[in-house]
PDB file of N, CA and C in Angstrom:
ATOM      1  N   MET A   1     171.876  47.129 104.450  1.00  0.00           N
ATOM      2  CA  MET A   1     171.656  48.728 104.739  1.00  0.00           C
ATOM      3  C   MET A   1     171.051  50.065 104.333  1.00  0.00           C
ATOM      4  N   SER A   2     171.762  50.792 104.709  1.00  0.00           N
ATOM      5  CA  SER A   2     172.112  51.986 103.470  1.00  0.00           C
ATOM      6  C   SER A   2     172.576  52.475 102.935  1.00  0.00           C
ATOM      7  N   GLY A   3     172.569  53.046 101.488  1.00  0.00           N
ATOM      8  CA  GLY A   3     173.717  52.353 100.325  1.00  0.00           C
ATOM      9  C   GLY A   3     173.796  51.704  99.450  1.00  0.00           C
ATOM     10  N   VAL A   4     173.209  50.414  99.836  1.00  0.00           N
ATOM     11  CA  VAL A   4     173.152  49.542  99.510  1.00  0.00           C
ATOM     12  C   VAL A   4     172.059  49.060  98.681  1.00  0.00           C
ATOM     13  N   PRO A   5     171.716  48.543  97.319  1.00  0.00           N
ATOM     14  CA  PRO A   5     170.631  48.311  96.509  1.00  0.00           C
ATOM     15  C   PRO A   5     169.722  47.467  96.461  1.00  0.00           C
ATOM     16  N   GLY A   6     169.205  47.831  96.767  1.00  0.00           N
ATOM     17  CA  GLY A   6     168.007  46.824  96.718  1.00  0.00           C
ATOM     18  C   GLY A   6     167.913  46.410  98.871  1.00  0.00           C
ATOM     19  N   ARG A   7     168.722  46.895  99.159  1.00  0.00           N
ATOM     20  CA  ARG A   7     168.347  46.902 100.796  1.00  0.00           C
ATOM     21  C   ARG A   7     167.613  47.544 101.423  1.00  0.00           C
ATOM     22  N   SER A   8     167.055  47.501 102.901  1.00  0.00           N
ATOM     23  CA  SER A   8     166.269  48.182 103.641  1.00  0.00           C
ATOM     24  C   SER A   8     167.078  48.567 104.660  1.00  0.00           C
ATOM     25  N   ARG A   9     166.956  49.981 105.303  1.00  0.00           N
ATOM     26  CA  ARG A   9     167.829  49.992 106.163  1.00  0.00           C
ATOM     27  C   ARG A   9     167.286  49.678 107.558  1.00  0.00           C
ATOM     28  N   PRO A  10     167.794  49.257 108.088  1.00  0.00           N
ATOM     29  CA  PRO A  10     166.607  48.544 109.626  1.00  0.00           C
ATOM     30  C   PRO A  10     166.639  49.640 110.723  1.00  0.00           C
ATOM     31  N   ASN A  11     165.692  49.855 111.249  1.00  0.00           N
ATOM     32  CA  ASN A  11     164.726  49.731 112.268  1.00  0.00           C
ATOM     33  C   ASN A  11     164.949  49.851 113.513  1.00  0.00           C
ATOM     34  N   ILE A  12     165.216  50.812 114.441  1.00  0.00           N
ATOM     35  CA  ILE A  12     166.305  51.040 115.672  1.00  0.00           C
ATOM     36  C   ILE A  12     165.224  51.590 116.183  1.00  0.00           C
ATOM     37  N   LEU A  13     165.725  50.621 117.618  1.00  0.00           N
ATOM     38  CA  LEU A  13     164.525  51.240 118.706  1.00  0.00           C
ATOM     39  C   LEU A  13     165.563  50.747 119.920  1.00  0.00           C
ATOM     40  N   LEU A  14     165.368  52.236 120.411  1.00  0.00           N
ATOM     41  CA  LEU A  14     166.724  52.427 121.699  1.00  0.00           C
ATOM     42  C   LEU A  14     165.508  51.916 123.078  1.00  0.00           C
ATOM     43  N   ILE A  15     165.535  51.183 124.161  1.00  0.00           N
ATOM     44  CA  ILE A  15     165.211  51.918 125.511  1.00  0.00           C
ATOM     45  C   ILE A  15     166.571  51.578 126.461  1.00  0.00           C
ATOM     46  N   VAL A  16     165.615  52.482 127.001  1.00  0.00           N
ATOM     47  CA  VAL A  16     166.290  52.482 128.205  1.00  0.00           C
ATOM     48  C   VAL A  16     165.867  52.469 129.024  1.00  0.00           C
ATOM     49  N   SER A  17     166.106  51.910 129.566  1.00  0.00           N
ATOM     50  CA  SER A  17     165.645  51.948 131.531  1.00  0.00           C
ATOM     51  C   SER A  17     166.607  52.275 132.699  1.00  0.00           C
ATOM     52  N   ASP A  18     165.973  53.323 133.432  1.00  0.00           N
ATOM     53  CA  ASP A  18     166.810  54.295 134.464  1.00  0.00           C
ATOM     54  C   ASP A  18     167.425  53.328 135.358  1.00  0.00           C
ATOM     55  N   ASP A  19     168.382  53.266 135.685  1.00  0.00           N
ATOM     56  CA  ASP A  19     168.849  52.492 137.205  1.00  0.00           C
ATOM     57  C   ASP A  19     168.297  50.946 137.276  1.00  0.00           C
ATOM     58  N   HIS A  20     168.546  50.234 135.885  1.00  0.00           N
ATOM     59  CA  HIS A  20     168.014  49.116 135.541  1.00  0.00           C
ATOM     60  C   HIS A  20     169.430  48.021 135.521  1.00  0.00           C
ATOM     61  N   GLY A  21     169.720  47.512 136.540  1.00  0.00           N
ATOM     62  CA  GLY A  21     171.084  46.733 136.910  1.00  0.00           C
ATOM     63  C   GLY A  21     171.264  45.884 136.439  1.00  0.00           C
ATOM     64  N   TYR A  22     171.835  43.995 135.905  1.00  0.00           N
ATOM     65  CA  TYR A  22     172.264  43.987 134.642  1.00  0.00           C
ATOM     66  C   TYR A  22     171.940  42.043 135.232  1.00  0.00           C
ATOM     67  N   ALA A  23     171.297  42.225 136.642  1.00  0.00           N
ATOM     68  CA  ALA A  23     170.200  41.374 137.277  1.00  0.00           C
ATOM     69  C   ALA A  23     168.694  41.701 137.019  1.00  0.00           C
ATOM     70  N   ASP A  24     168.452  42.820 137.304  1.00  0.00           N
ATOM     71  CA  ASP A  24     167.126  42.993 136.523  1.00  0.00           C
ATOM     72  C   ASP A  24     165.361  42.786 136.051  1.00  0.00           C
ATOM     73  N   ARG A  25     166.389  42.251 135.040  1.00  0.00           N
ATOM     74  CA  ARG A  25     165.374  41.731 133.863  1.00  0.00           C
ATOM     75  C   ARG A  25     164.723  39.762 134.433  1.00  0.00           C
ATOM     76  N   GLY A  26     164.244  39.452 134.343  1.00  0.00           N
ATOM     77  CA  GLY A  26     162.960  38.531 134.622  1.00  0.00           C
ATOM     78  C   GLY A  26     163.954  37.403 133.480  1.00  0.00           C
ATOM     79  N   PRO A  27     162.671  36.310 133.573  1.00  0.00           N
ATOM     80  CA  PRO A  27     162.317  35.722 134.795  1.00  0.00           C
ATOM     81  C   PRO A  27     162.427  35.791 136.363  1.00  0.00           C
ATOM     82  N   SER A  28     162.394  36.462 137.640  1.00  0.00           N
ATOM     83  CA  SER A  28     162.536  36.246 138.214  1.00  0.00           C
ATOM     84  C   SER A  28     161.559  35.082 139.671  1.00  0.00           C
ATOM     85  N   ALA A  29     161.873  35.427 140.775  1.00  0.00           N
ATOM     86  CA  ALA A  29     160.967  34.763 141.331  1.00  0.00           C
ATOM     87  C   ALA A  29     160.289  36.253 142.535  1.00  0.00           C
ATOM     88  N   GLU A  30     161.341  37.400 142.371  1.00  0.00           N
ATOM     89  CA  GLU A  30     160.871  39.153 142.772  1.00  0.00           C
ATOM     90  C   GLU A  30     160.104  39.631 141.948  1.00  0.00           C
ATOM     91  N   PHE A  31     160.194  39.627 141.236  1.00  0.00           N
ATOM     92  CA  PHE A  31     159.861  40.115 139.860  1.00  0.00           C
ATOM     93  C   PHE A  31     159.010  39.563 138.079  1.00  0.00           C
ATOM     94  N   ALA A  32     158.451  40.929 137.525  1.00  0.00           N
ATOM     95  CA  ALA A  32     158.454  39.799 136.971  1.00  0.00           C
ATOM     96  C   ALA A  32     158.913  41.223 135.565  1.00  0.00           C
ATOM     97  N   THR A  33     158.690  40.836 133.811  1.00  0.00           N
ATOM     98  CA  THR A  33     159.212  41.425 133.121  1.00  0.00           C
ATOM     99  C   THR A  33     158.927  41.384 132.126  1.00  0.00           C
ATOM    100  N   PRO A  34     157.375  40.823 132.535  1.00  0.00           N
ATOM    101  CA  PRO A  34     157.088  39.855 130.602  1.00  0.00           C
ATOM    102  C   PRO A  34     157.780  40.558 129.148  1.00  0.00           C
ATOM    103  N   ALA A  35     156.839  42.289 128.994  1.00  0.00           N
ATOM    104  CA  ALA A  35     157.238  42.741 127.710  1.00  0.00           C
ATOM    105  C   ALA A  35     158.549  42.656 127.333  1.00  0.00           C
ATOM    106  N   LEU A  36     159.450  43.311 128.232  1.00  0.00           N
ATOM    107  CA  LEU A  36     161.075  43.094 127.907  1.00  0.00           C
ATOM    108  C   LEU A  36     161.062  41.285 127.542  1.00  0.00           C
ATOM    109  N   ASP A  37     161.011  41.056 128.167  1.00  0.00           N
ATOM    110  CA  ASP A  37     161.391  39.033 128.113  1.00  0.00           C
ATOM    111  C   ASP A  37     160.962  38.864 126.895  1.00  0.00           C
ATOM    112  N   ARG A  38     159.751  39.159 126.160  1.00  0.00           N
ATOM    113  CA  ARG A  38     159.278  39.363 124.729  1.00  0.00           C
ATOM    114  C   ARG A  38     160.169  40.427 123.817  1.00  0.00           C
ATOM    115  N   LEU A  39     160.858  40.864 123.900  1.00  0.00           N
ATOM    116  CA  LEU A  39     160.981  42.268 123.050  1.00  0.00           C
ATOM    117  C   LEU A  39     162.751  40.651 122.899  1.00  0.00           C
ATOM    118  N   ALA A  40     163.035  41.043 124.327  1.00  0.00           N
ATOM    119  CA  ALA A  40     164.330  39.558 123.437  1.00  0.00           C
ATOM    120  C   ALA A  40     164.755  38.791 122.753  1.00  0.00           C
ATOM    121  N   ALA A  41     163.501  38.343 123.955  1.00  0.00           N
ATOM    122  CA  ALA A  41     163.503  36.654 123.237  1.00  0.00           C
ATOM    123  C   ALA A  41     162.962  37.048 121.250  1.00  0.00           C
ATOM    124  N   GLU A  42     162.097  38.532 120.869  1.00  0.00           N
ATOM    125  CA  GLU A  42     162.061  38.610 118.949  1.00  0.00           C
ATOM    126  C   GLU A  42     162.941  39.451 118.298  1.00  0.00           C
ATOM    127  N   GLY A  43     163.786  39.740 119.209  1.00  0.00           N
ATOM    128  CA  GLY A  43     164.978  40.308 118.741  1.00  0.00           C
ATOM    129  C   GLY A  43     166.284  40.251 119.330  1.00  0.00           C
ATOM    130  N   VAL A  44     167.035  41.255 119.748  1.00  0.00           N
ATOM    131  CA  VAL A  44     168.455  41.083 120.407  1.00  0.00           C
ATOM    132  C   VAL A  44     168.854  41.479 122.302  1.00  0.00           C
ATOM    133  N   THR A  45     168.841  40.595 122.676  1.00  0.00           N
ATOM    134  CA  THR A  45     169.704  40.681 124.446  1.00  0.00           C
ATOM    135  C   THR A  45     170.763  41.103 124.413  1.00  0.00           C
ATOM    136  N   CYS A  46     171.914  41.914 124.740  1.00  0.00           N
ATOM    137  CA  CYS A  46     172.459  42.780 125.679  1.00  0.00           C
ATOM    138  C   CYS A  46     173.127  41.924 126.659  1.00  0.00           C
ATOM    139  N   THR A  47     174.296  40.551 126.534  1.00  0.00           N
ATOM    140  CA  THR A  47     174.252  40.340 128.512  1.00  0.00           C
ATOM    141  C   THR A  47     175.841  40.787 128.114  1.00  0.00           C
ATOM    142  N   GLU A  48     176.217  41.715 128.118  1.00  0.00           N
ATOM    143  CA  GLU A  48     177.497  42.436 128.109  1.00  0.00           C
ATOM    144  C   GLU A  48     177.173  44.242 128.236  1.00  0.00           C
ATOM    145  N   ALA A  49     177.274  44.720 129.360  1.00  0.00           N
ATOM    146  CA  ALA A  49     176.802  46.122 129.178  1.00  0.00           C
ATOM    147  C   ALA A  49     178.265  47.038 129.842  1.00  0.00           C
ATOM    148  N   TYR A  50     178.051  48.190 129.545  1.00  0.00           N
ATOM    149  CA  TYR A  50     178.804  49.007 130.382  1.00  0.00           C
ATOM    150  C   TYR A  50     178.053  50.883 129.923  1.00  0.00           C
ATOM    151  N   VAL A  51     178.485  50.721 131.435  1.00  0.00           N
ATOM    152  CA  VAL A  51     178.185  52.592 131.303  1.00  0.00           C
ATOM    153  C   VAL A  51     179.217  53.313 131.433  1.00  0.00           C
ATOM    154  N   SER A  52     179.468  54.715 131.222  1.00  0.00           N
ATOM    155  CA  SER A  52     180.765  55.976 131.195  1.00  0.00           C
ATOM    156  C   SER A  52     179.989  56.164 132.182  1.00  0.00           C
ATOM    157  N   ALA A  53     179.502  56.201 133.742  1.00  0.00           N
ATOM    158  CA  ALA A  53     179.224  56.923 133.844  1.00  0.00           C
ATOM    159  C   ALA A  53     178.163  55.289 135.571  1.00  0.00           C
ATOM    160  N   PRO A  54     178.056  56.255 136.600  1.00  0.00           N
ATOM    161  CA  PRO A  54     177.415  55.371 137.070  1.00  0.00           C
ATOM    162  C   PRO A  54     176.539  55.744 137.714  1.00  0.00           C
ATOM    163  N   ILE A  55     175.667  56.677 137.407  1.00  0.00           N
ATOM    164  CA  ILE A  55     174.120  56.933 138.031  1.00  0.00           C
ATOM    165  C   ILE A  55     174.063  58.233 136.527  1.00  0.00           C
ATOM    166  N   CYS A  56     172.670  58.193 136.394  1.00  0.00           N
ATOM    167  CA  CYS A  56     172.078  57.925 134.617  1.00  0.00           C
ATOM    168  C   CYS A  56     171.863  59.865 134.373  1.00  0.00           C
ATOM    169  N   SER A  57     171.917  60.973 134.812  1.00  0.00           N
ATOM    170  CA  SER A  57     172.280  61.825 134.283  1.00  0.00           C
ATOM    171  C   SER A  57     173.735  61.777 132.926  1.00  0.00           C
ATOM    172  N   PRO A  58     174.860  61.452 133.426  1.00  0.00           N
ATOM    173  CA  PRO A  58     175.822  61.678 132.337  1.00  0.00           C
ATOM    174  C   PRO A  58     175.601  59.998 131.997  1.00  0.00           C
ATOM    175  N   SER A  59     175.265  59.230 132.233  1.00  0.00           N
ATOM    176  CA  SER A  59     175.681  58.303 131.130  1.00  0.00           C
ATOM    177  C   SER A  59     174.324  57.969 129.940  1.00  0.00           C
ATOM    178  N   ARG A  60     173.801  58.984 130.734  1.00  0.00           N
ATOM    179  CA  ARG A  60     172.339  59.922 129.089  1.00  0.00           C
ATOM    180  C   ARG A  60     173.053  60.212 128.269  1.00  0.00           C
ATOM    181  N   ALA A  61     173.236  60.811 129.568  1.00  0.00           N
ATOM    182  CA  ALA A  61     174.097  62.218 127.688  1.00  0.00           C
ATOM    183  C   ALA A  61     175.473  61.506 127.417  1.00  0.00           C
ATOM    184  N   GLY A  62     176.049  60.556 128.233  1.00  0.00           N
ATOM    185  CA  GLY A  62     176.941  60.425 126.873  1.00  0.00           C
ATOM    186  C   GLY A  62     176.612  58.760 125.623  1.00  0.00           C
ATOM    187  N   MET A  63     175.533  58.482 126.152  1.00  0.00           N
ATOM    188  CA  MET A  63     174.668  57.399 125.240  1.00  0.00           C
ATOM    189  C   MET A  63     174.333  57.697 124.247  1.00  0.00           C
ATOM    190  N   ILE A  64     173.464  59.352 124.559  1.00  0.00           N
ATOM    191  CA  ILE A  64     172.674  60.422 123.518  1.00  0.00           C
ATOM    192  C   ILE A  64     173.910  60.470 122.077  1.00  0.00           C
ATOM    193  N   THR A  65     175.163  60.782 122.461  1.00  0.00           N
ATOM    194  CA  THR A  65     175.948  61.292 121.612  1.00  0.00           C
ATOM    195  C   THR A  65     177.440  60.331 121.532  1.00  0.00           C
ATOM    196  N   GLY A  66     177.027  58.550 121.735  1.00  0.00           N
ATOM    197  CA  GLY A  66     177.891  58.282 121.757  1.00  0.00           C
ATOM    198  C   GLY A  66     179.577  58.733 121.708  1.00  0.00           C
ATOM    199  N   ARG A  67     179.724  59.390 122.745  1.00  0.00           N
ATOM    200  CA  ARG A  67     180.510  59.820 123.337  1.00  0.00           C
ATOM    201  C   ARG A  67     181.468  59.360 125.084  1.00  0.00           C
ATOM    202  N   HIS A  68     182.355  60.068 125.216  1.00  0.00           N
ATOM    203  CA  HIS A  68     182.698  60.039 127.220  1.00  0.00           C
ATOM    204  C   HIS A  68     182.234  61.472 127.624  1.00  0.00           C
ATOM    205  N   GLN A  69     180.388  61.300 128.628  1.00  0.00           N
ATOM    206  CA  GLN A  69     180.452  62.720 128.539  1.00  0.00           C
ATOM    207  C   GLN A  69     181.214  63.515 129.087  1.00  0.00           C
ATOM    208  N   ALA A  70     182.749  62.589 130.324  1.00  0.00           N
ATOM    209  CA  ALA A  70     183.175  63.402 130.818  1.00  0.00           C
ATOM    210  C   ALA A  70     184.363  64.161 130.131  1.00  0.00           C
ATOM    211  N   ARG A  71     183.982  63.594 128.161  1.00  0.00           N
ATOM    212  CA  ARG A  71     185.391  65.267 127.696  1.00  0.00           C
ATOM    213  C   ARG A  71     184.592  66.525 128.054  1.00  0.00           C
ATOM    214  N   TRP A  72     183.456  66.648 128.740  1.00  0.00           N
ATOM    215  CA  TRP A  72     182.739  68.122 128.503  1.00  0.00           C
ATOM    216  C   TRP A  72     182.337  68.108 129.969  1.00  0.00           C
ATOM    217  N   GLY A  73     182.655  67.802 130.929  1.00  0.00           N
ATOM    218  CA  GLY A  73     182.744  67.820 132.436  1.00  0.00           C
ATOM    219  C   GLY A  73     181.399  66.923 132.570  1.00  0.00           C
ATOM    220  N   ALA A  74     181.004  65.855 132.124  1.00  0.00           N
ATOM    221  CA  ALA A  74     179.687  65.750 132.457  1.00  0.00           C
ATOM    222  C   ALA A  74     179.943  64.739 133.473  1.00  0.00           C
ATOM    223  N   ARG A  75     180.733  64.607 134.698  1.00  0.00           N
ATOM    224  CA  ARG A  75     180.893  63.707 135.600  1.00  0.00           C
ATOM    225  C   ARG A  75     179.793  62.866 136.536  1.00  0.00           C
ATOM    226  N   TRP A  76     178.940  63.875 137.158  1.00  0.00           N
ATOM    227  CA  TRP A  76     178.285  63.301 138.219  1.00  0.00           C
ATOM    228  C   TRP A  76     177.015  64.060 138.161  1.00  0.00           C
ATOM    229  N   PHE A  77     176.571  64.207 139.547  1.00  0.00           N
ATOM    230  CA  PHE A  77     174.844  65.158 138.970  1.00  0.00           C
ATOM    231  C   PHE A  77     175.038  66.192 139.001  1.00  0.00           C
ATOM    232  N   GLU A  78     176.223  67.297 140.086  1.00  0.00           N
ATOM    233  CA  GLU A  78     176.191  68.617 139.789  1.00  0.00           C
ATOM    234  C   GLU A  78     176.972  69.127 138.897  1.00  0.00           C
ATOM    235  N   SER A  79     177.414  68.125 137.690  1.00  0.00           N
ATOM    236  CA  SER A  79     178.544  68.463 136.531  1.00  0.00           C
ATOM    237  C   SER A  79     177.989  68.253 135.506  1.00  0.00           C
ATOM    238  N   SER A  80     176.629  66.979 135.539  1.00  0.00           N
ATOM    239  CA  SER A  80     176.342  66.700 133.906  1.00  0.00           C
ATOM    240  C   SER A  80     175.895  67.774 133.305  1.00  0.00           C
ATOM    241  N   ALA A  81     175.078  68.215 132.246  1.00  0.00           N
ATOM    242  CA  ALA A  81     174.993  68.504 130.761  1.00  0.00           C
ATOM    243  C   ALA A  81     174.942  67.723 129.500  1.00  0.00           C
ATOM    244  N   MET A  82     173.548  68.392 128.905  1.00  0.00           N
ATOM    245  CA  MET A  82     174.144  67.904 127.493  1.00  0.00           C
ATOM    246  C   MET A  82     175.020  68.430 126.824  1.00  0.00           C
ATOM    247  N   ALA A  83     174.918  67.233 125.767  1.00  0.00           N
ATOM    248  CA  ALA A  83     177.181  67.298 125.193  1.00  0.00           C
ATOM    249  C   ALA A  83     177.418  68.986 124.690  1.00  0.00           C
ATOM    250  N   PRO A  84     178.333  69.711 124.158  1.00  0.00           N
ATOM    251  CA  PRO A  84     178.110  70.612 123.224  1.00  0.00           C
ATOM    252  C   PRO A  84     177.657  70.722 122.156  1.00  0.00           C
ATOM    253  N   ASP A  85     177.191  72.279 121.641  1.00  0.00           N
ATOM    254  CA  ASP A  85     176.515  72.155 120.537  1.00  0.00           C
ATOM    255  C   ASP A  85     177.347  71.521 118.677  1.00  0.00           C
ATOM    256  N   ASP A  86     178.741  71.710 119.391  1.00  0.00           N
ATOM    257  CA  ASP A  86     179.277  70.804 118.465  1.00  0.00           C
ATOM    258  C   ASP A  86     179.175  69.008 117.964  1.00  0.00           C
ATOM    259  N   VAL A  87     178.729  68.411 120.017  1.00  0.00           N
ATOM    260  CA  VAL A  87     179.035  66.944 119.282  1.00  0.00           C
ATOM    261  C   VAL A  87     177.712  66.589 119.401  1.00  0.00           C
ATOM    262  N   PRO A  88     177.614  65.783 118.034  1.00  0.00           N
ATOM    263  CA  PRO A  88     175.711  65.403 117.610  1.00  0.00           C
ATOM    264  C   PRO A  88     175.778  64.372 118.306  1.00  0.00           C
ATOM    265  N   THR A  89     174.295  64.319 118.201  1.00  0.00           N
ATOM    266  CA  THR A  89     173.680  63.341 118.782  1.00  0.00           C
ATOM    267  C   THR A  89     172.733  62.087 117.645  1.00  0.00           C
ATOM    268  N   LEU A  90     172.941  60.592 118.420  1.00  0.00           N
ATOM    269  CA  LEU A  90     171.991  59.619 117.702  1.00  0.00           C
ATOM    270  C   LEU A  90     171.380  60.831 116.655  1.00  0.00           C
ATOM    271  N   ALA A  91     170.389  61.490 117.501  1.00  0.00           N
ATOM    272  CA  ALA A  91     168.974  62.261 115.845  1.00  0.00           C
ATOM    273  C   ALA A  91     169.873  62.184 115.238  1.00  0.00           C
ATOM    274  N   GLU A  92     170.735  63.493 115.148  1.00  0.00           N
ATOM    275  CA  GLU A  92     170.667  63.979 114.578  1.00  0.00           C
ATOM    276  C   GLU A  92     172.140  63.041 113.652  1.00  0.00           C
ATOM    277  N   LEU A  93     172.727  62.031 114.072  1.00  0.00           N
ATOM    278  CA  LEU A  93     173.977  61.277 113.037  1.00  0.00           C
ATOM    279  C   LEU A  93     172.264  61.134 112.179  1.00  0.00           C
ATOM    280  N   LEU A  94     171.375  60.342 112.543  1.00  0.00           N
ATOM    281  CA  LEU A  94     169.836  59.108 111.772  1.00  0.00           C
ATOM    282  C   LEU A  94     169.957  60.155 111.513  1.00  0.00           C
ATOM    283  N   GLY A  95     168.969  61.427 111.616  1.00  0.00           N
ATOM    284  CA  GLY A  95     168.501  62.187 110.924  1.00  0.00           C
ATOM    285  C   GLY A  95     169.288  62.002 109.695  1.00  0.00           C
ATOM    286  N   ARG A  96     170.191  62.717 109.416  1.00  0.00           N
ATOM    287  CA  ARG A  96     171.124  62.797 107.803  1.00  0.00           C
ATOM    288  C   ARG A  96     171.445  61.968 107.105  1.00  0.00           C
ATOM    289  N   ARG A  97     170.508  60.398 107.770  1.00  0.00           N
ATOM    290  CA  ARG A  97     170.682  59.262 107.353  1.00  0.00           C
ATOM    291  C   ARG A  97     169.092  59.058 106.454  1.00  0.00           C
ATOM    292  N   SER A  98     168.543  60.348 106.838  1.00  0.00           N
ATOM    293  CA  SER A  98     166.688  60.051 105.854  1.00  0.00           C
ATOM    294  C   SER A  98     165.811  59.644 107.012  1.00  0.00           C
ATOM    295  N   TYR A  99     166.616  59.129 108.415  1.00  0.00           N
ATOM    296  CA  TYR A  99     166.083  58.537 109.111  1.00  0.00           C
ATOM    297  C   TYR A  99     164.669  59.201 110.189  1.00  0.00           C
ATOM    298  N   ALA A 100     163.348  58.998 110.465  1.00  0.00           N
ATOM    299  CA  ALA A 100     162.340  59.848 111.080  1.00  0.00           C
ATOM    300  C   ALA A 100     162.941  59.190 112.698  1.00  0.00           C
ATOM    301  N   THR A 101     162.388  59.898 113.704  1.00  0.00           N
ATOM    302  CA  THR A 101     163.603  59.734 114.678  1.00  0.00           C
ATOM    303  C   THR A 101     162.319  60.204 116.078  1.00  0.00           C
ATOM    304  N   GLY A 102     162.170  59.336 117.255  1.00  0.00           N
ATOM    305  CA  GLY A 102     161.680  59.994 118.549  1.00  0.00           C
ATOM    306  C   GLY A 102     162.224  59.939 119.811  1.00  0.00           C
ATOM    307  N   TYR A 103     161.606  60.267 120.482  1.00  0.00           N
ATOM    308  CA  TYR A 103     162.267  60.005 121.969  1.00  0.00           C
ATOM    309  C   TYR A 103     161.041  60.131 122.784  1.00  0.00           C
ATOM    310  N   PHE A 104     160.790  59.449 123.056  1.00  0.00           N
ATOM    311  CA  PHE A 104     159.126  59.129 124.789  1.00  0.00           C
ATOM    312  C   PHE A 104     159.755  58.767 125.996  1.00  0.00           C
ATOM    313  N   GLY A 105     159.191  59.732 127.008  1.00  0.00           N
ATOM    314  CA  GLY A 105     159.611  59.369 128.026  1.00  0.00           C
ATOM    315  C   GLY A 105     160.729  60.081 129.116  1.00  0.00           C
ATOM    316  N   LYS A 106     161.646  59.695 130.390  1.00  0.00           N
ATOM    317  CA  LYS A 106     162.465  60.797 130.879  1.00  0.00           C
ATOM    318  C   LYS A 106     163.460  61.066 129.969  1.00  0.00           C
ATOM    319  N   VAL A 107     163.358  62.642 130.600  1.00  0.00           N
ATOM    320  CA  VAL A 107     164.898  62.976 129.520  1.00  0.00           C
ATOM    321  C   VAL A 107     165.418  63.622 131.106  1.00  0.00           C
ATOM    322  N   HIS A 108     166.627  63.629 130.553  1.00  0.00           N
ATOM    323  CA  HIS A 108     167.332  64.952 132.088  1.00  0.00           C
ATOM    324  C   HIS A 108     168.622  64.266 131.538  1.00  0.00           C
ATOM    325  N   TYR A 109     169.645  65.395 131.224  1.00  0.00           N
ATOM    326  CA  TYR A 109     171.265  65.247 131.113  1.00  0.00           C
ATOM    327  C   TYR A 109     171.369  65.881 132.531  1.00  0.00           C
ATOM    328  N   GLY A 110     171.196  67.274 132.919  1.00  0.00           N
ATOM    329  CA  GLY A 110     172.031  67.576 133.840  1.00  0.00           C
ATOM    330  C   GLY A 110     171.552  68.710 134.730  1.00  0.00           C
ATOM    331  N   VAL A 111     172.204  69.591 135.190  1.00  0.00           N
ATOM    332  CA  VAL A 111     171.906  71.253 136.188  1.00  0.00           C
ATOM    333  C   VAL A 111     171.208  72.095 134.919  1.00  0.00           C
ATOM    334  N   THR A 112     172.311  71.637 133.837  1.00  0.00           N
ATOM    335  CA  THR A 112     171.933  73.545 133.143  1.00  0.00           C
ATOM    336  C   THR A 112     170.046  72.595 131.815  1.00  0.00           C
ATOM    337  N   ASP A 113     169.425  71.282 131.908  1.00  0.00           N
ATOM    338  CA  ASP A 113     168.524  71.736 131.189  1.00  0.00           C
ATOM    339  C   ASP A 113     167.533  72.790 131.176  1.00  0.00           C
ATOM    340  N   ALA A 114     166.900  73.161 130.614  1.00  0.00           N
ATOM    341  CA  ALA A 114     165.690  74.609 131.086  1.00  0.00           C
ATOM    342  C   ALA A 114     164.793  74.109 129.116  1.00  0.00           C
ATOM    343  N   PRO A 115     163.646  74.465 129.755  1.00  0.00           N
ATOM    344  CA  PRO A 115     163.008  74.537 128.620  1.00  0.00           C
ATOM    345  C   PRO A 115     163.373  75.605 127.091  1.00  0.00           C
ATOM    346  N   GLY A 116     163.390  74.287 126.381  1.00  0.00           N
ATOM    347  CA  GLY A 116     163.575  75.567 125.177  1.00  0.00           C
ATOM    348  C   GLY A 116     165.735  75.563 125.077  1.00  0.00           C
ATOM    349  N   SER A 117     165.983  74.781 125.814  1.00  0.00           N
ATOM    350  CA  SER A 117     168.191  74.408 125.525  1.00  0.00           C
ATOM    351  C   SER A 117     167.990  73.160 124.914  1.00  0.00           C
ATOM    352  N   ARG A 118     168.991  72.900 124.651  1.00  0.00           N
ATOM    353  CA  ARG A 118     169.655  71.718 123.822  1.00  0.00           C
ATOM    354  C   ARG A 118     168.923  70.138 124.295  1.00  0.00           C
ATOM    355  N   ALA A 119     168.981  70.534 125.292  1.00  0.00           N
ATOM    356  CA  ALA A 119     168.970  68.939 126.980  1.00  0.00           C
ATOM    357  C   ALA A 119     167.495  68.594 125.853  1.00  0.00           C
ATOM    358  N   CYS A 120     166.208  69.225 125.399  1.00  0.00           N
ATOM    359  CA  CYS A 120     165.561  69.143 125.063  1.00  0.00           C
ATOM    360  C   CYS A 120     165.560  68.105 123.676  1.00  0.00           C
ATOM    361  N   PRO A 121     164.938  66.514 123.978  1.00  0.00           N
ATOM    362  CA  PRO A 121     164.898  66.478 122.825  1.00  0.00           C
ATOM    363  C   PRO A 121     164.735  66.711 120.954  1.00  0.00           C
ATOM    364  N   PRO A 122     163.979  67.955 120.783  1.00  0.00           N
ATOM    365  CA  PRO A 122     163.288  68.508 119.280  1.00  0.00           C
ATOM    366  C   PRO A 122     165.146  69.238 119.550  1.00  0.00           C
ATOM    367  N   ARG A 123     165.167  69.352 120.449  1.00  0.00           N
ATOM    368  CA  ARG A 123     166.253  70.799 120.119  1.00  0.00           C
ATOM    369  C   ARG A 123     167.665  69.916 119.245  1.00  0.00           C
ATOM    370  N   HIS A 124     167.625  68.423 119.942  1.00  0.00           N
ATOM    371  CA  HIS A 124     168.573  67.735 119.658  1.00  0.00           C
ATOM    372  C   HIS A 124     168.213  66.790 118.580  1.00  0.00           C
ATOM    373  N   GLY A 125     167.809  67.285 117.676  1.00  0.00           N
ATOM    374  CA  GLY A 125     167.960  66.288 116.618  1.00  0.00           C
ATOM    375  C   GLY A 125     166.137  65.253 116.329  1.00  0.00           C
ATOM    376  N   PHE A 126     165.992  64.807 117.585  1.00  0.00           N
ATOM    377  CA  PHE A 126     164.399  64.655 117.794  1.00  0.00           C
ATOM    378  C   PHE A 126     163.226  64.822 116.847  1.00  0.00           C
ATOM    379  N   ASP A 127     162.509  64.813 116.104  1.00  0.00           N
ATOM    380  CA  ASP A 127     161.646  64.523 115.023  1.00  0.00           C
ATOM    381  C   ASP A 127     160.085  64.722 115.442  1.00  0.00           C
ATOM    382  N   GLU A 128     159.794  63.398 116.427  1.00  0.00           N
ATOM    383  CA  GLU A 128     158.838  62.951 117.363  1.00  0.00           C
ATOM    384  C   GLU A 128     159.167  63.374 118.602  1.00  0.00           C
TER     385      GLU A 128
END
């Protein structure tokens, strides 16, 4: 861990699958998820999970900050939004510890998302 002489910091990889339910990972007769299954076998898999909203945008906003998004009014599609500037994101916190960060794939926190706004990953702490 960081700050312990002779020990390196862990790499952190967060994979988010939109609208992926607890039973949506293989092996299954209905679908196959070999890449996710391999990652789980070689790393950590979480069998207990909780989301802070029943839909993706507010859940994503809460997850990127580690705070319940209802604190800034993000509850449903029409009210979901990126956190205010004074709420640090996971990328901002990791950047303060000299981590290199990247965000790849879908990003959408709510109706206020616009090019150049804080909702864009480079504007809330991601390097790439």
